[in-house]
Amino acid sequence: MRKFFLLLMVITFTGMTGCASQRIERIDPAQVNETVRPDEAALVFYQSMGLHFTPKSFIPFVGPSLSQAMAPIMETNEDGKLTPITYIITGCKFFHKTTPGKHFYLLGGNPVEILEADLEAGKTYYVRISQSSGLNIHFDFHPVTDPANDLPKEINSRIMYPPMKNTPAGEQRLLEDKASLQAESLSALKRHNEENLGDKKIIRPEYGIIAPAQ
């Protein structure tokens, strides 16, 4: 049964890569380096396949739909200024190095979402992206609070969750999305800051792990 579901995910992802290749593309495994230096921190953004395995159990996860919709991810400062990062698509991941300390990230959609992150030096943090469809496509951030137990077993597979990078066309499209999202950034930050603490999407320092050197 597990082999069947794994095969289904491979087939699904294979069918989606044509659309994704216009904005993001796979990284050559020889060029992948996810080592985090003591003066750095890192975030791994990923969108789960329709079936989700964790070290604890098999979960028939019906969160993100198996579609080709892509969400732009950007960093925003307290003034709402945006810095494009990448797009995320089902079954892919993006490794993002940054500086330790507090950061804010914006996820495009309707409405846009804000993630607050307090990152500790030398650690890697994981953020799952979910997708729901209706009259509008909505994306959401889900910080992984317990990476040892709550990550998909296949998260480090170069086949099931291939690391991606932006294409030149993707970089250009991110700049276009930046312009359209700039006005929403400040209102989204204001909404985030006014939320009750329990409703905020926050990455806390203890959520990170120190990954082994490659």
C-alpha atoms as a PDB file:
ATOM      1  CA  MET A   1       0.000   0.000   0.000  1.00  0.00           C
ATOM      2  CA  ARG A   2       2.766   2.449   0.921  1.00  0.00           C
ATOM      3  CA  LYS A   3       4.612   1.700  -2.328  1.00  0.00           C
ATOM      4  CA  PHE A   4       1.433   2.431  -4.257  1.00  0.00           C
ATOM      5  CA  PHE A   5       1.031   5.843  -2.610  1.00  0.00           C
ATOM      6  CA  LEU A   6       4.687   6.711  -3.186  1.00  0.00           C
ATOM      7  CA  LEU A   7       4.307   5.798  -6.862  1.00  0.00           C
ATOM      8  CA  LEU A   8       1.184   7.942  -7.049  1.00  0.00           C
ATOM      9  CA  MET A   9       3.089  10.941  -5.665  1.00  0.00           C
ATOM     10  CA  VAL A  10       5.928  10.485  -8.160  1.00  0.00           C
ATOM     11  CA  ILE A  11       3.480  10.312 -11.063  1.00  0.00           C
ATOM     12  CA  THR A  12       1.601  13.364  -9.804  1.00  0.00           C
ATOM     13  CA  PHE A  13       4.750  15.432  -9.404  1.00  0.00           C
ATOM     14  CA  THR A  14       6.060  14.353 -12.800  1.00  0.00           C
ATOM     15  CA  GLY A  15       2.879  15.624 -14.376  1.00  0.00           C
ATOM     16  CA  MET A  16       3.230  19.020 -12.685  1.00  0.00           C
ATOM     17  CA  THR A  17       6.826  19.907 -13.471  1.00  0.00           C
ATOM     18  CA  GLY A  18       6.068  21.279 -16.941  1.00  0.00           C
ATOM     19  CA  CYS A  19       4.070  24.146 -15.493  1.00  0.00           C
ATOM     20  CA  ALA A  20       6.529  24.733 -12.676  1.00  0.00           C
ATOM     21  CA  SER A  21       9.529  24.845 -14.987  1.00  0.00           C
ATOM     22  CA  GLN A  22       8.528  28.288 -16.280  1.00  0.00           C
ATOM     23  CA  ARG A  23       9.236  29.866 -12.878  1.00  0.00           C
ATOM     24  CA  ILE A  24      11.184  27.301 -10.858  1.00  0.00           C
ATOM     25  CA  GLU A  25      13.375  24.360 -11.788  1.00  0.00           C
ATOM     26  CA  ARG A  26      15.193  21.514 -10.104  1.00  0.00           C
ATOM     27  CA  ILE A  27      18.683  22.092  -8.777  1.00  0.00           C
ATOM     28  CA  ASP A  28      21.438  19.797  -9.939  1.00  0.00           C
ATOM     29  CA  PRO A  29      22.095  17.543  -6.885  1.00  0.00           C
ATOM     30  CA  ALA A  30      25.816  18.283  -7.218  1.00  0.00           C
ATOM     31  CA  GLN A  31      25.057  21.974  -6.589  1.00  0.00           C
ATOM     32  CA  VAL A  32      22.884  21.451  -3.499  1.00  0.00           C
ATOM     33  CA  ASN A  33      24.509  22.630  -0.287  1.00  0.00           C
ATOM     34  CA  GLU A  34      22.207  22.934   2.717  1.00  0.00           C
ATOM     35  CA  THR A  35      24.946  23.374   5.312  1.00  0.00           C
ATOM     36  CA  VAL A  36      24.163  26.252   7.678  1.00  0.00           C
ATOM     37  CA  ARG A  37      27.125  28.165   9.083  1.00  0.00           C
ATOM     38  CA  PRO A  38      27.216  29.264  12.753  1.00  0.00           C
ATOM     39  CA  ASP A  39      26.457  32.850  11.664  1.00  0.00           C
ATOM     40  CA  GLU A  40      23.485  31.862   9.462  1.00  0.00           C
ATOM     41  CA  ALA A  41      19.962  30.502   9.846  1.00  0.00           C
ATOM     42  CA  ALA A  42      17.884  28.716   7.230  1.00  0.00           C
ATOM     43  CA  LEU A  43      14.262  28.109   6.330  1.00  0.00           C
ATOM     44  CA  VAL A  44      12.987  25.208   4.239  1.00  0.00           C
ATOM     45  CA  PHE A  45       9.634  25.999   2.638  1.00  0.00           C
ATOM     46  CA  TYR A  46       7.775  22.980   1.266  1.00  0.00           C
ATOM     47  CA  GLN A  47       4.297  22.068   0.120  1.00  0.00           C
ATOM     48  CA  SER A  48       3.236  18.531   0.981  1.00  0.00           C
ATOM     49  CA  MET A  49       1.979  16.036  -1.513  1.00  0.00           C
ATOM     50  CA  GLY A  50      -1.607  14.864  -1.045  1.00  0.00           C
ATOM     51  CA  LEU A  51      -0.400  11.950   1.106  1.00  0.00           C
ATOM     52  CA  HIS A  52       1.741  12.675   4.146  1.00  0.00           C
ATOM     53  CA  PHE A  53       4.103  10.264   5.913  1.00  0.00           C
ATOM     54  CA  THR A  54       5.774  11.095   9.222  1.00  0.00           C
ATOM     55  CA  PRO A  55       8.090   8.980  11.403  1.00  0.00           C
ATOM     56  CA  LYS A  56       5.125   8.556  13.784  1.00  0.00           C
ATOM     57  CA  SER A  57       2.564   7.218  11.353  1.00  0.00           C
ATOM     58  CA  PHE A  58       0.985   7.316   7.930  1.00  0.00           C
ATOM     59  CA  ILE A  59      -1.485  10.184   7.688  1.00  0.00           C
ATOM     60  CA  PRO A  60      -3.913  10.305   4.739  1.00  0.00           C
ATOM     61  CA  PHE A  61      -3.340  14.043   4.511  1.00  0.00           C
ATOM     62  CA  VAL A  62      -5.904  15.901   2.411  1.00  0.00           C
ATOM     63  CA  GLY A  63      -4.490  19.359   2.997  1.00  0.00           C
ATOM     64  CA  PRO A  64      -2.927  20.907  -0.097  1.00  0.00           C
ATOM     65  CA  SER A  65      -4.643  19.825  -3.267  1.00  0.00           C
ATOM     66  CA  LEU A  66      -2.707  18.164  -6.049  1.00  0.00           C
ATOM     67  CA  SER A  67      -2.815  21.202  -8.303  1.00  0.00           C
ATOM     68  CA  GLN A  68      -0.309  23.373 -10.088  1.00  0.00           C
ATOM     69  CA  ALA A  69      -1.068  26.659  -8.332  1.00  0.00           C
ATOM     70  CA  MET A  70       2.044  28.458  -7.128  1.00  0.00           C
ATOM     71  CA  ALA A  71       2.349  30.815  -4.188  1.00  0.00           C
ATOM     72  CA  PRO A  72       4.946  33.610  -4.120  1.00  0.00           C
ATOM     73  CA  ILE A  73       6.964  33.832  -0.909  1.00  0.00           C
ATOM     74  CA  MET A  74       8.633  37.115   0.027  1.00  0.00           C
ATOM     75  CA  GLU A  75      10.340  38.621   3.023  1.00  0.00           C
ATOM     76  CA  THR A  76       8.830  41.833   4.350  1.00  0.00           C
ATOM     77  CA  ASN A  77      10.178  44.284   6.890  1.00  0.00           C
ATOM     78  CA  GLU A  78       8.172  46.286   9.413  1.00  0.00           C
ATOM     79  CA  ASP A  79       7.700  49.035   6.815  1.00  0.00           C
ATOM     80  CA  GLY A  80       6.131  46.590   4.374  1.00  0.00           C
ATOM     81  CA  LYS A  81       9.067  46.596   1.945  1.00  0.00           C
ATOM     82  CA  LEU A  82       9.161  43.271   0.085  1.00  0.00           C
ATOM     83  CA  THR A  83      12.132  41.136  -0.961  1.00  0.00           C
ATOM     84  CA  PRO A  84      11.146  38.294  -3.323  1.00  0.00           C
ATOM     85  CA  ILE A  85      12.298  34.771  -2.428  1.00  0.00           C
ATOM     86  CA  THR A  86      10.621  32.136  -4.598  1.00  0.00           C
ATOM     87  CA  TYR A  87       7.454  30.294  -5.597  1.00  0.00           C
ATOM     88  CA  ILE A  88       6.321  27.099  -3.946  1.00  0.00           C
ATOM     89  CA  ILE A  89       4.446  24.252  -5.604  1.00  0.00           C
ATOM     90  CA  THR A  90       3.092  20.914  -4.394  1.00  0.00           C
ATOM     91  CA  GLY A  91       5.829  18.343  -3.855  1.00  0.00           C
ATOM     92  CA  CYS A  92       8.772  20.780  -3.967  1.00  0.00           C
ATOM     93  CA  LYS A  93      10.932  22.523  -1.398  1.00  0.00           C
ATOM     94  CA  PHE A  94      13.048  25.667  -1.345  1.00  0.00           C
ATOM     95  CA  PHE A  95      16.067  26.166   0.922  1.00  0.00           C
ATOM     96  CA  HIS A  96      16.493  29.791   2.023  1.00  0.00           C
ATOM     97  CA  LYS A  97      19.505  31.042   3.994  1.00  0.00           C
ATOM     98  CA  THR A  98      19.199  34.226   6.007  1.00  0.00           C
ATOM     99  CA  THR A  99      20.533  35.976   9.104  1.00  0.00           C
ATOM    100  CA  PRO A 100      19.621  35.007  12.684  1.00  0.00           C
ATOM    101  CA  GLY A 101      17.047  37.170  14.455  1.00  0.00           C
ATOM    102  CA  LYS A 102      13.504  38.322  13.709  1.00  0.00           C
ATOM    103  CA  HIS A 103      12.062  38.182  10.194  1.00  0.00           C
ATOM    104  CA  PHE A 104       8.631  38.484   8.595  1.00  0.00           C
ATOM    105  CA  TYR A 105       7.558  36.491   5.543  1.00  0.00           C
ATOM    106  CA  LEU A 106       4.608  37.072   3.230  1.00  0.00           C
ATOM    107  CA  LEU A 107       2.763  34.351   1.342  1.00  0.00           C
ATOM    108  CA  GLY A 108       0.695  35.411  -1.666  1.00  0.00           C
ATOM    109  CA  GLY A 109      -2.928  34.371  -1.953  1.00  0.00           C
ATOM    110  CA  ASN A 110      -6.344  35.702  -1.075  1.00  0.00           C
ATOM    111  CA  PRO A 111      -5.798  36.979   1.532  1.00  0.00           C
ATOM    112  CA  VAL A 112      -2.027  37.194   1.883  1.00  0.00           C
ATOM    113  CA  GLU A 113      -0.557  35.610   5.022  1.00  0.00           C
ATOM    114  CA  ILE A 114       2.250  36.714   7.337  1.00  0.00           C
ATOM    115  CA  LEU A 115       4.722  34.475   9.164  1.00  0.00           C
ATOM    116  CA  GLU A 116       6.826  35.884  12.004  1.00  0.00           C
ATOM    117  CA  ALA A 117      10.138  34.096  12.568  1.00  0.00           C
ATOM    118  CA  ASP A 118      12.643  34.358  15.414  1.00  0.00           C
ATOM    119  CA  LEU A 119      15.613  32.408  14.069  1.00  0.00           C
ATOM    120  CA  GLU A 120      18.564  31.114  16.037  1.00  0.00           C
ATOM    121  CA  ALA A 121      22.056  30.980  14.529  1.00  0.00           C
ATOM    122  CA  GLY A 122      23.152  27.668  13.046  1.00  0.00           C
ATOM    123  CA  LYS A 123      19.640  26.201  12.889  1.00  0.00           C
ATOM    124  CA  THR A 124      17.327  25.090  10.087  1.00  0.00           C
ATOM    125  CA  TYR A 125      13.575  25.659  10.331  1.00  0.00           C
ATOM    126  CA  TYR A 126      10.810  24.006   8.315  1.00  0.00           C
ATOM    127  CA  VAL A 127       7.605  25.645   7.085  1.00  0.00           C
ATOM    128  CA  ARG A 128       4.845  23.663   5.390  1.00  0.00           C
ATOM    129  CA  ILE A 129       2.646  25.505   2.916  1.00  0.00           C
ATOM    130  CA  SER A 130      -0.979  24.428   2.616  1.00  0.00           C
ATOM    131  CA  GLN A 131      -3.403  25.261  -0.149  1.00  0.00           C
ATOM    132  CA  SER A 132      -7.197  25.357  -0.210  1.00  0.00           C
ATOM    133  CA  SER A 133      -9.413  26.102  -3.166  1.00  0.00           C
ATOM    134  CA  GLY A 134     -12.797  27.725  -3.454  1.00  0.00           C
ATOM    135  CA  LEU A 135     -13.830  30.969  -5.067  1.00  0.00           C
ATOM    136  CA  ASN A 136     -10.221  32.026  -4.428  1.00  0.00           C
ATOM    137  CA  ILE A 137      -7.028  30.028  -3.939  1.00  0.00           C
ATOM    138  CA  HIS A 138      -5.780  30.479  -0.395  1.00  0.00           C
ATOM    139  CA  PHE A 139      -2.337  29.521   0.878  1.00  0.00           C
ATOM    140  CA  ASP A 140      -1.234  29.338   4.487  1.00  0.00           C
ATOM    141  CA  PHE A 141       1.958  28.982   6.538  1.00  0.00           C
ATOM    142  CA  HIS A 142       2.358  26.089   9.005  1.00  0.00           C
ATOM    143  CA  PRO A 143       5.578  26.242  11.068  1.00  0.00           C
ATOM    144  CA  VAL A 144       6.839  22.750  11.885  1.00  0.00           C
ATOM    145  CA  THR A 145       7.233  22.744  15.668  1.00  0.00           C
ATOM    146  CA  ASP A 146       8.747  19.257  15.993  1.00  0.00           C
ATOM    147  CA  PRO A 147      10.873  18.472  12.903  1.00  0.00           C
ATOM    148  CA  ALA A 148      12.091  15.156  14.330  1.00  0.00           C
ATOM    149  CA  ASN A 149       8.568  13.737  14.263  1.00  0.00           C
ATOM    150  CA  ASP A 150       6.385  15.933  12.075  1.00  0.00           C
ATOM    151  CA  LEU A 151       8.274  16.156   8.784  1.00  0.00           C
ATOM    152  CA  PRO A 152       7.418  13.855   5.873  1.00  0.00           C
ATOM    153  CA  LYS A 153       9.876  10.967   5.799  1.00  0.00           C
ATOM    154  CA  GLU A 154      10.566  11.817   2.169  1.00  0.00           C
ATOM    155  CA  ILE A 155      11.483  15.464   2.842  1.00  0.00           C
ATOM    156  CA  ASN A 156      15.175  14.810   2.098  1.00  0.00           C
ATOM    157  CA  SER A 157      14.452  12.778  -1.029  1.00  0.00           C
ATOM    158  CA  ARG A 158      15.725  14.442  -4.197  1.00  0.00           C
ATOM    159  CA  ILE A 159      12.917  12.617  -6.061  1.00  0.00           C
ATOM    160  CA  MET A 160       9.909  13.140  -3.793  1.00  0.00           C
ATOM    161  CA  TYR A 161      10.814  16.666  -2.632  1.00  0.00           C
ATOM    162  CA  PRO A 162      13.371  17.975  -5.132  1.00  0.00           C
ATOM    163  CA  PRO A 163      15.095  21.220  -4.139  1.00  0.00           C
ATOM    164  CA  MET A 164      14.180  24.014  -6.533  1.00  0.00           C
ATOM    165  CA  LYS A 165      15.606  27.329  -7.697  1.00  0.00           C
ATOM    166  CA  ASN A 166      14.150  30.283  -9.551  1.00  0.00           C
ATOM    167  CA  THR A 167      14.412  30.517 -13.332  1.00  0.00           C
ATOM    168  CA  PRO A 168      15.182  33.899 -14.962  1.00  0.00           C
ATOM    169  CA  ALA A 169      11.505  34.060 -15.969  1.00  0.00           C
ATOM    170  CA  GLY A 170      10.575  33.290 -12.374  1.00  0.00           C
ATOM    171  CA  GLU A 171      12.782  36.092 -11.059  1.00  0.00           C
ATOM    172  CA  GLN A 172      11.047  38.516 -13.423  1.00  0.00           C
ATOM    173  CA  ARG A 173       7.596  37.291 -12.418  1.00  0.00           C
ATOM    174  CA  LEU A 174       8.515  37.673  -8.722  1.00  0.00           C
ATOM    175  CA  LEU A 175       9.313  41.347  -9.359  1.00  0.00           C
ATOM    176  CA  GLU A 176       5.909  41.757 -10.988  1.00  0.00           C
ATOM    177  CA  ASP A 177       4.209  40.055  -8.045  1.00  0.00           C
ATOM    178  CA  LYS A 178       6.210  42.224  -5.660  1.00  0.00           C
ATOM    179  CA  ALA A 179       4.711  45.331  -7.230  1.00  0.00           C
ATOM    180  CA  SER A 180       1.171  43.966  -6.966  1.00  0.00           C
ATOM    181  CA  LEU A 181       1.609  42.737  -3.380  1.00  0.00           C
ATOM    182  CA  GLN A 182       3.401  45.821  -2.035  1.00  0.00           C
ATOM    183  CA  ALA A 183       0.197  47.607  -1.027  1.00  0.00           C
ATOM    184  CA  GLU A 184      -1.155  44.489   0.703  1.00  0.00           C
ATOM    185  CA  SER A 185       2.037  43.949   2.674  1.00  0.00           C
ATOM    186  CA  LEU A 186       1.468  46.791   5.147  1.00  0.00           C
ATOM    187  CA  SER A 187      -2.171  45.885   5.769  1.00  0.00           C
ATOM    188  CA  ALA A 188      -1.221  42.217   6.246  1.00  0.00           C
ATOM    189  CA  LEU A 189       1.475  43.191   8.761  1.00  0.00           C
ATOM    190  CA  LYS A 190      -1.003  45.421  10.590  1.00  0.00           C
ATOM    191  CA  ARG A 191      -3.507  42.555  10.729  1.00  0.00           C
ATOM    192  CA  HIS A 192      -0.802  40.199  12.000  1.00  0.00           C
ATOM    193  CA  ASN A 193       0.309  42.589  14.749  1.00  0.00           C
ATOM    194  CA  GLU A 194      -3.294  43.079  15.913  1.00  0.00           C
ATOM    195  CA  GLU A 195      -4.004  39.344  16.184  1.00  0.00           C
ATOM    196  CA  ASN A 196      -4.085  37.562  19.514  1.00  0.00           C
ATOM    197  CA  LEU A 197      -0.815  35.804  20.266  1.00  0.00           C
ATOM    198  CA  GLY A 198      -2.442  32.391  19.884  1.00  0.00           C
ATOM    199  CA  ASP A 199      -3.627  33.244  16.362  1.00  0.00           C
ATOM    200  CA  LYS A 200      -0.288  34.461  15.036  1.00  0.00           C
ATOM    201  CA  LYS A 201       1.863  32.244  12.798  1.00  0.00           C
ATOM    202  CA  ILE A 202       5.221  32.283  14.603  1.00  0.00           C
ATOM    203  CA  ILE A 203       8.460  30.323  14.288  1.00  0.00           C
ATOM    204  CA  ARG A 204      10.120  30.187  17.689  1.00  0.00           C
ATOM    205  CA  PRO A 205      13.867  29.631  18.184  1.00  0.00           C
ATOM    206  CA  GLU A 206      13.345  26.156  19.659  1.00  0.00           C
ATOM    207  CA  TYR A 207      11.596  24.915  16.484  1.00  0.00           C
ATOM    208  CA  GLY A 208      14.908  24.769  14.641  1.00  0.00           C
ATOM    209  CA  ILE A 209      17.340  21.873  14.327  1.00  0.00           C
ATOM    210  CA  ILE A 210      21.063  21.752  13.781  1.00  0.00           C
ATOM    211  CA  ALA A 211      21.429  19.746  10.614  1.00  0.00           C
ATOM    212  CA  PRO A 212      24.552  17.585  10.109  1.00  0.00           C
ATOM    213  CA  ALA A 213      27.210  19.067   7.840  1.00  0.00           C
ATOM    214  CA  GLN A 214      27.140  17.811   4.268  1.00  0.00           C
END
